[in-house]
């Protein structure tokens, strides 16, 4: 396919992925604030959207990691990038439909690596960088956030144990608004850059930018707007899972989880580490639940969530590899991948309307009621 057609197609597809990243990851910043009533659902997603947009302009270190670190930009073509993006979008939509907070970042990395590996061979994948910048943080970040969230929650209950019952939740809800805002800012700083990096990689592979270039201004602006628009749409299914499905979240736990996750994400953005904000925020929420006296953790939901984390990279990689192979076959193959991707997205949307989750019912019921798969974090009582 002619590059004058292919490059804009890849750029648009990257922005579509960025949009899905926004509504897939809205829960990361706002699920606990919505669950505790600190913010009304529509207000929460609007605030998060604005701050994600602002965060997109704060750094480009993660974008540089993706555009010049994970794969050999001289060995791939825009068709390969396109195939990787389609694989990532397919996985994002599938996990959104079932309400699982999997990693949009890992879906993107998996799709890109899978498509590159099949098209250009294993030598085109920088596995050392993949381990350093993706796999190690994937394990360490949720553990760090979980431990920090658990300690923060324990301390919050200890410090406020003599405070009046009416004033404590209100104070923590105010704190939640501040911590959720900072978390949204951090999310934009980390996740919007991933799309910036993909678009920059595409421009480099097409010869429009020299190797080692950072994202142009128009790329930063468009990526920020796309993730903000997706965030405002609200990924209500995943918001329900994180806010109601893992543990019982009160204002102190929500504040502790958000604060610990924000610290981890901002640190990683500064260091250029493209970690999964979903892993971090989920780890913070689970840690906050475990740090709560007599807390109930729904281990069935948590187990399904971790399983989704484990299979995201290989599943998106397989989808990206298949889409990349077909796209590289020529203009007809690229068009076929685009049509099939759009058809899959439409089908998932129509299926989701049968059991719609929205701002009006996101807090109505937990994803998994307290039962045999839910145990007390403080002693194992059921």
Protein backbone atom coordinates (compact mmCIF):
# COMPACT_ATOMS: atom_id res chain seq x y z
CA UNK A 1 0.00 0.00 0.00
CA UNK A 2 1.20 3.51 -0.82
CA UNK A 3 2.82 5.18 2.21
CA UNK A 4 0.75 8.33 1.65
CA UNK A 5 -2.30 6.21 2.48
CA UNK A 6 -0.75 3.71 4.87
CA UNK A 7 0.91 6.14 7.29
CA UNK A 8 -2.29 8.16 7.93
CA UNK A 9 -4.16 4.86 8.37
CA UNK A 10 -1.68 3.71 11.01
CA UNK A 11 -1.80 7.09 12.75
CA UNK A 12 -5.60 6.98 12.91
CA UNK A 13 -5.50 3.37 14.17
CA UNK A 14 -3.00 4.39 16.86
CA UNK A 15 -5.36 7.13 18.00
CA UNK A 16 -8.23 4.62 18.05
CA UNK A 17 -6.11 2.45 20.32
CA UNK A 18 -5.42 5.52 22.46
CA UNK A 19 -9.16 6.12 22.70
CA UNK A 20 -9.76 2.52 23.83
CA UNK A 21 -6.89 2.93 26.29
CA UNK A 22 -8.74 5.91 27.76
CA UNK A 23 -12.06 4.20 28.43
CA UNK A 24 -10.34 0.92 29.35
CA UNK A 25 -8.24 2.66 32.02
CA UNK A 26 -10.65 5.28 33.40
CA UNK A 27 -11.19 2.89 36.28
CA UNK A 28 -7.56 3.16 37.32
CA UNK A 29 -7.97 6.72 38.53
CA UNK A 30 -11.65 7.00 39.35
CA UNK A 31 -13.11 3.60 40.33
CA UNK A 32 -12.57 4.01 44.07
CA UNK A 33 -13.76 7.63 44.13
CA UNK A 34 -16.95 6.60 42.33
CA UNK A 35 -17.44 3.56 44.59
CA UNK A 36 -17.16 5.62 47.79
CA UNK A 37 -19.26 8.50 46.50
CA UNK A 38 -16.42 11.02 46.72
CA UNK A 39 -17.25 12.02 43.15
CA UNK A 40 -20.37 11.57 41.05
CA UNK A 41 -19.65 9.23 38.12
CA UNK A 42 -19.98 11.79 35.31
CA UNK A 43 -18.02 14.41 37.24
CA UNK A 44 -15.29 11.86 37.93
CA UNK A 45 -14.75 10.88 34.29
CA UNK A 46 -14.86 14.52 33.14
CA UNK A 47 -12.23 15.52 35.70
CA UNK A 48 -10.10 12.52 34.78
CA UNK A 49 -10.34 13.35 31.06
CA UNK A 50 -9.09 16.91 31.55
CA UNK A 51 -6.19 15.81 33.73
CA UNK A 52 -5.22 12.98 31.36
CA UNK A 53 -4.96 15.62 28.63
CA UNK A 54 -2.78 17.83 30.80
CA UNK A 55 -0.60 14.88 31.81
CA UNK A 56 0.15 14.07 28.17
CA UNK A 57 2.25 17.23 27.95
CA UNK A 58 4.41 16.66 31.03
CA UNK A 59 6.95 14.15 29.68
CA UNK A 60 8.03 12.18 26.60
CA UNK A 61 10.45 9.72 28.23
CA UNK A 62 8.08 6.75 27.93
CA UNK A 63 7.35 7.65 24.30
CA UNK A 64 11.08 7.52 23.54
CA UNK A 65 11.34 4.09 25.17
CA UNK A 66 8.68 2.73 22.81
CA UNK A 67 9.73 4.52 19.61
CA UNK A 68 13.40 3.61 19.97
CA UNK A 69 13.75 0.87 22.57
CA UNK A 70 11.53 -2.20 22.22
CA UNK A 71 11.97 -3.06 18.54
CA UNK A 72 14.41 -2.21 15.76
CA UNK A 73 12.77 0.66 13.92
CA UNK A 74 14.95 -0.01 10.86
CA UNK A 75 13.65 -3.56 10.53
CA UNK A 76 9.90 -2.95 10.54
CA UNK A 77 7.36 -1.29 8.29
CA UNK A 78 4.17 0.70 8.94
CA UNK A 79 2.20 -2.47 8.06
CA UNK A 80 3.84 -4.23 11.00
CA UNK A 81 2.93 -1.40 13.35
CA UNK A 82 -0.63 -1.45 12.00
CA UNK A 83 -0.94 -5.17 12.68
CA UNK A 84 0.35 -4.73 16.22
CA UNK A 85 -2.18 -1.97 16.87
CA UNK A 86 -5.08 -4.08 15.64
CA UNK A 87 -4.00 -6.89 17.96
CA UNK A 88 -3.89 -4.49 20.91
CA UNK A 89 -7.30 -2.98 20.11
CA UNK A 90 -8.91 -6.42 19.81
CA UNK A 91 -7.57 -7.45 23.22
CA UNK A 92 -8.62 -4.14 24.82
CA UNK A 93 -12.18 -4.47 23.57
CA UNK A 94 -12.45 -8.12 24.61
CA UNK A 95 -11.26 -7.53 28.17
CA UNK A 96 -13.41 -4.40 28.47
CA UNK A 97 -16.47 -6.40 27.46
CA UNK A 98 -15.92 -8.98 30.21
CA UNK A 99 -15.02 -6.25 32.71
CA UNK A 100 -11.44 -7.33 33.38
CA UNK A 101 -8.85 -4.63 34.16
CA UNK A 102 -6.09 -6.03 31.96
CA UNK A 103 -3.21 -3.87 30.81
CA UNK A 104 -3.72 -1.70 27.72
CA UNK A 105 0.02 -1.10 27.79
CA UNK A 106 0.87 -4.78 27.68
CA UNK A 107 -1.70 -5.29 24.93
CA UNK A 108 0.15 -2.66 22.91
CA UNK A 109 3.59 -4.10 23.66
CA UNK A 110 2.39 -7.64 22.93
CA UNK A 111 0.81 -6.66 19.62
CA UNK A 112 3.89 -4.73 18.51
CA UNK A 113 6.37 -7.43 19.53
CA UNK A 114 4.28 -10.22 18.00
CA UNK A 115 3.92 -8.43 14.67
CA UNK A 116 7.62 -7.47 14.61
CA UNK A 117 8.83 -10.96 15.50
CA UNK A 118 6.85 -12.64 12.73
CA UNK A 119 7.65 -10.00 10.12
CA UNK A 120 11.33 -9.28 10.85
CA UNK A 121 12.53 -12.12 13.05
CA UNK A 122 13.51 -12.32 16.70
CA UNK A 123 16.61 -10.17 16.15
CA UNK A 124 14.33 -7.18 15.53
CA UNK A 125 12.95 -7.43 19.08
CA UNK A 126 15.11 -5.95 21.83
CA UNK A 127 14.39 -8.58 24.46
CA UNK A 128 16.77 -7.12 27.05
CA UNK A 129 14.94 -3.80 26.88
CA UNK A 130 11.59 -5.63 26.97
CA UNK A 131 12.59 -7.38 30.18
CA UNK A 132 14.04 -4.24 31.76
CA UNK A 133 11.31 -1.78 30.82
CA UNK A 134 8.21 -3.98 30.67
CA UNK A 135 8.43 -7.43 32.29
CA UNK A 136 10.29 -6.54 35.49
CA UNK A 137 8.03 -3.53 36.20
CA UNK A 138 5.00 -5.72 35.42
CA UNK A 139 5.92 -7.90 38.41
CA UNK A 140 7.41 -5.30 40.73
CA UNK A 141 5.05 -2.35 40.30
CA UNK A 142 1.77 -3.94 41.52
CA UNK A 143 3.62 -5.53 44.45
CA UNK A 144 5.14 -2.18 45.45
CA UNK A 145 1.80 -0.41 45.04
CA UNK A 146 0.00 -3.16 46.96
CA UNK A 147 2.42 -3.05 49.89
CA UNK A 148 2.30 0.74 49.95
CA UNK A 149 -1.51 0.71 49.75
CA UNK A 150 -1.77 -1.82 52.58
CA UNK A 151 0.59 0.12 54.85
CA UNK A 152 -1.13 3.42 54.06
CA UNK A 153 -4.55 1.95 54.81
CA UNK A 154 -3.38 0.44 58.09
CA UNK A 155 -1.87 3.75 59.16
CA UNK A 156 -4.99 5.64 58.10
CA UNK A 157 -7.17 3.52 60.36
CA UNK A 158 -4.67 3.74 63.22
CA UNK A 159 -4.33 7.51 63.01
CA UNK A 160 -8.07 8.15 62.79
CA UNK A 161 -9.29 5.50 65.23
CA UNK A 162 -10.21 8.14 67.84
CA UNK A 163 -11.72 10.58 65.35
CA UNK A 164 -15.50 10.98 65.15
CA UNK A 165 -17.20 8.59 62.78
CA UNK A 166 -18.97 11.39 60.91
CA UNK A 167 -15.90 13.49 60.16
CA UNK A 168 -13.39 10.80 59.15
CA UNK A 169 -15.08 9.55 55.93
CA UNK A 170 -15.73 13.13 54.78
CA UNK A 171 -12.09 14.07 55.26
CA UNK A 172 -10.88 11.04 53.35
CA UNK A 173 -13.37 11.67 50.53
CA UNK A 174 -11.91 15.15 50.11
CA UNK A 175 -8.46 13.58 50.07
CA UNK A 176 -9.71 11.08 47.48
CA UNK A 177 -10.63 13.87 45.09
CA UNK A 178 -7.10 15.24 45.32
CA UNK A 179 -5.42 11.83 44.98
CA UNK A 180 -7.70 10.77 42.10
CA UNK A 181 -6.88 14.01 40.29
CA UNK A 182 -3.16 13.43 40.70
CA UNK A 183 -3.56 9.81 39.60
CA UNK A 184 -5.36 10.94 36.43
CA UNK A 185 -2.53 13.34 35.74
CA UNK A 186 -0.02 10.53 36.24
CA UNK A 187 -1.99 8.23 33.95
CA UNK A 188 -1.93 10.77 31.15
CA UNK A 189 1.78 11.25 31.68
CA UNK A 190 2.47 7.53 31.30
CA UNK A 191 -0.19 6.02 29.03
CA UNK A 192 -0.72 8.79 26.47
CA UNK A 193 2.98 8.60 25.72
CA UNK A 194 2.67 5.00 24.56
CA UNK A 195 0.57 6.06 21.59
CA UNK A 196 2.95 8.94 20.97
CA UNK A 197 5.77 6.42 20.81
CA UNK A 198 3.88 4.17 18.38
CA UNK A 199 3.07 7.04 16.02
CA UNK A 200 6.66 8.26 16.19
CA UNK A 201 7.88 4.72 15.44
CA UNK A 202 5.59 4.64 12.40
CA UNK A 203 6.94 7.96 11.11
CA UNK A 204 10.51 6.74 11.59
CA UNK A 205 9.84 3.43 9.83
CA UNK A 206 8.28 5.33 6.90
CA UNK A 207 11.25 7.67 6.64
CA UNK A 208 9.32 10.76 7.75
CA UNK A 209 11.49 11.21 10.85
CA UNK A 210 15.15 10.34 11.54
CA UNK A 211 16.00 7.47 13.88
CA UNK A 212 15.98 8.54 17.53
CA UNK A 213 13.46 11.35 17.06
CA UNK A 214 11.05 12.31 19.80
CA UNK A 215 7.32 12.79 19.15
CA UNK A 216 6.42 15.96 17.18
CA UNK A 217 4.08 18.46 18.81
CA UNK A 218 1.07 17.42 16.71
CA UNK A 219 1.56 13.83 17.87
CA UNK A 220 1.59 14.88 21.54
CA UNK A 221 -1.57 16.97 21.09
CA UNK A 222 -3.52 14.32 19.17
CA UNK A 223 -2.56 11.52 21.57
CA UNK A 224 -3.57 13.64 24.56
CA UNK A 225 -6.94 14.49 23.02
CA UNK A 226 -7.64 10.86 22.06
CA UNK A 227 -6.98 9.43 25.52
CA UNK A 228 -8.97 12.27 27.12
CA UNK A 229 -11.96 11.55 24.87
CA UNK A 230 -11.84 7.85 25.71
CA UNK A 231 -11.55 8.63 29.41
CA UNK A 232 -14.64 10.84 29.30
CA UNK A 233 -16.62 8.02 27.66
CA UNK A 234 -16.06 6.04 30.86
CA UNK A 235 -15.20 2.33 30.94
CA UNK A 236 -18.04 1.57 33.32
CA UNK A 237 -17.66 -2.22 33.22
CA UNK A 238 -14.09 -2.07 34.50
CA UNK A 239 -14.93 0.75 36.91
CA UNK A 240 -17.45 -1.62 38.51
CA UNK A 241 -14.85 -4.40 38.79
CA UNK A 242 -12.14 -2.25 40.40
CA UNK A 243 -14.50 -0.21 42.58
CA UNK A 244 -16.85 -2.97 43.72
CA UNK A 245 -15.50 -6.33 42.62
CA UNK A 246 -12.17 -6.86 44.39
CA UNK A 247 -12.79 -5.61 47.92
CA UNK A 248 -15.11 -3.35 49.87
CA UNK A 249 -13.74 0.14 49.33
CA UNK A 250 -14.32 2.94 51.81
CA UNK A 251 -12.91 6.44 51.64
CA UNK A 252 -9.72 5.63 53.66
CA UNK A 253 -8.90 2.63 51.46
CA UNK A 254 -9.62 4.58 48.29
CA UNK A 255 -7.37 7.44 49.35
CA UNK A 256 -4.55 5.05 50.30
CA UNK A 257 -4.80 3.04 47.06
CA UNK A 258 -4.82 6.12 44.84
CA UNK A 259 -1.93 7.81 46.64
CA UNK A 260 0.32 4.76 46.51
CA UNK A 261 -0.46 4.12 42.83
CA UNK A 262 0.22 7.76 41.92
CA UNK A 263 3.66 7.67 43.52
CA UNK A 264 4.64 4.52 41.60
CA UNK A 265 3.34 5.79 38.23
CA UNK A 266 4.95 9.23 38.46
CA UNK A 267 8.28 7.69 39.42
CA UNK A 268 8.16 5.28 36.48
CA UNK A 269 7.22 8.06 34.04
CA UNK A 270 10.23 10.08 35.17
CA UNK A 271 12.49 7.06 34.61
CA UNK A 272 10.99 6.25 31.20
CA UNK A 273 9.56 2.91 32.39
CA UNK A 274 6.45 1.95 30.42
CA UNK A 275 4.69 0.07 33.20
CA UNK A 276 1.05 -0.92 33.32
CA UNK A 277 -1.00 1.65 35.20
CA UNK A 278 -3.73 -1.00 35.47
CA UNK A 279 -1.40 -3.37 37.34
CA UNK A 280 -0.33 -0.59 39.67
CA UNK A 281 -3.82 0.67 40.48
CA UNK A 282 -5.23 -2.83 40.90
CA UNK A 283 -2.34 -3.73 43.20
CA UNK A 284 -2.98 -0.60 45.24
CA UNK A 285 -6.66 -1.47 45.66
CA UNK A 286 -5.93 -5.06 46.65
CA UNK A 287 -3.30 -3.86 49.14
CA UNK A 288 -5.75 -1.36 50.60
CA UNK A 289 -8.26 -4.17 51.07
CA UNK A 290 -5.71 -6.39 52.79
CA UNK A 291 -4.67 -3.52 55.05
CA UNK A 292 -8.21 -2.99 56.32
CA UNK A 293 -9.32 -4.61 59.59
CA UNK A 294 -11.71 -7.47 58.81
CA UNK A 295 -11.65 -6.63 55.11
CA UNK A 296 -13.22 -8.95 52.58
CA UNK A 297 -11.25 -9.72 49.44
CA UNK A 298 -13.04 -11.42 46.54
CA UNK A 299 -10.28 -13.76 45.49
CA UNK A 300 -12.25 -15.19 42.57
CA UNK A 301 -12.34 -11.79 40.86
CA UNK A 302 -8.73 -11.08 41.81
CA UNK A 303 -7.66 -14.44 40.37
CA UNK A 304 -9.39 -13.82 37.04
CA UNK A 305 -7.78 -10.39 36.92
CA UNK A 306 -4.28 -11.79 37.46
CA UNK A 307 -4.92 -14.49 34.85
CA UNK A 308 -5.80 -11.76 32.36
CA UNK A 309 -2.53 -10.01 33.24
CA UNK A 310 -0.54 -13.17 32.52
CA UNK A 311 -2.06 -13.88 29.12
CA UNK A 312 -2.30 -10.29 27.82
CA UNK A 313 1.20 -10.15 26.30
CA UNK A 314 1.05 -13.53 24.50
CA UNK A 315 -2.61 -13.14 23.45
CA UNK A 316 -2.15 -9.65 22.04
CA UNK A 317 1.14 -10.82 20.53
CA UNK A 318 -0.59 -13.64 18.69
CA UNK A 319 -3.33 -11.32 17.44
CA UNK A 320 -0.74 -8.73 16.39
CA UNK A 321 1.37 -11.35 14.60
CA UNK A 322 -1.63 -12.64 12.63
CA UNK A 323 -2.81 -9.14 11.72
CA UNK A 324 0.72 -8.09 10.80
CA UNK A 325 1.26 -11.04 8.47
CA UNK A 326 -2.00 -10.36 6.65
CA UNK A 327 -1.33 -6.60 6.45
CA UNK A 328 2.14 -7.16 5.02
CA UNK A 329 0.71 -9.19 2.15
CA UNK A 330 -0.26 -5.99 0.36
CA UNK A 331 -3.00 -3.39 0.04
CA UNK A 332 -5.76 -5.99 0.02
CA UNK A 333 -4.41 -7.60 3.19
CA UNK A 334 -4.15 -4.25 4.96
CA UNK A 335 -7.71 -3.37 3.95
CA UNK A 336 -8.94 -6.78 5.13
CA UNK A 337 -7.32 -6.33 8.54
CA UNK A 338 -8.89 -2.87 8.87
CA UNK A 339 -12.35 -4.15 7.94
CA UNK A 340 -12.16 -7.18 10.23
CA UNK A 341 -10.91 -5.02 13.10
CA UNK A 342 -13.78 -2.58 12.65
CA UNK A 343 -16.28 -5.44 12.43
CA UNK A 344 -14.96 -6.98 15.66
CA UNK A 345 -15.24 -3.63 17.44
CA UNK A 346 -18.81 -3.17 16.23
CA UNK A 347 -19.78 -6.66 17.33
CA UNK A 348 -18.36 -6.16 20.83
CA UNK A 349 -20.21 -2.85 21.15
CA UNK A 350 -23.53 -4.42 20.15
CA UNK A 351 -23.04 -7.30 22.57
CA UNK A 352 -22.25 -4.87 25.38
CA UNK A 353 -25.63 -3.16 24.90
CA UNK A 354 -27.43 -6.32 26.01
CA UNK A 355 -26.16 -5.83 29.57
CA UNK A 356 -25.18 -2.19 29.63
CA UNK A 357 -23.22 -0.74 32.53
CA UNK A 358 -23.35 3.03 32.76
CA UNK A 359 -22.94 5.93 35.16
CA UNK A 360 -26.44 5.17 36.43
CA UNK A 361 -25.87 1.59 37.57
CA UNK A 362 -22.09 1.25 37.99
CA UNK A 363 -22.39 1.03 41.80
CA UNK A 364 -25.61 -0.98 41.98
CA UNK A 365 -24.17 -4.43 42.60
CA UNK A 366 -20.70 -5.91 43.08
CA UNK A 367 -19.21 -7.99 40.30
CA UNK A 368 -18.86 -10.97 42.61
CA UNK A 369 -20.99 -11.27 45.77
CA UNK A 370 -19.34 -12.28 49.01
CA UNK A 371 -19.37 -16.06 48.97
CA UNK A 372 -17.07 -19.08 49.04
CA UNK A 373 -14.49 -17.23 46.94
CA UNK A 374 -14.37 -14.21 49.22
CA UNK A 375 -12.42 -14.37 52.47
CA UNK A 376 -11.60 -11.98 55.24
CA UNK A 377 -8.19 -10.45 54.87
CA UNK A 378 -7.81 -10.34 58.61
CA UNK A 379 -7.90 -13.93 59.66
CA UNK A 380 -9.45 -15.80 56.75
CA UNK A 381 -13.06 -15.87 58.10
CA UNK A 382 -15.82 -16.33 55.57
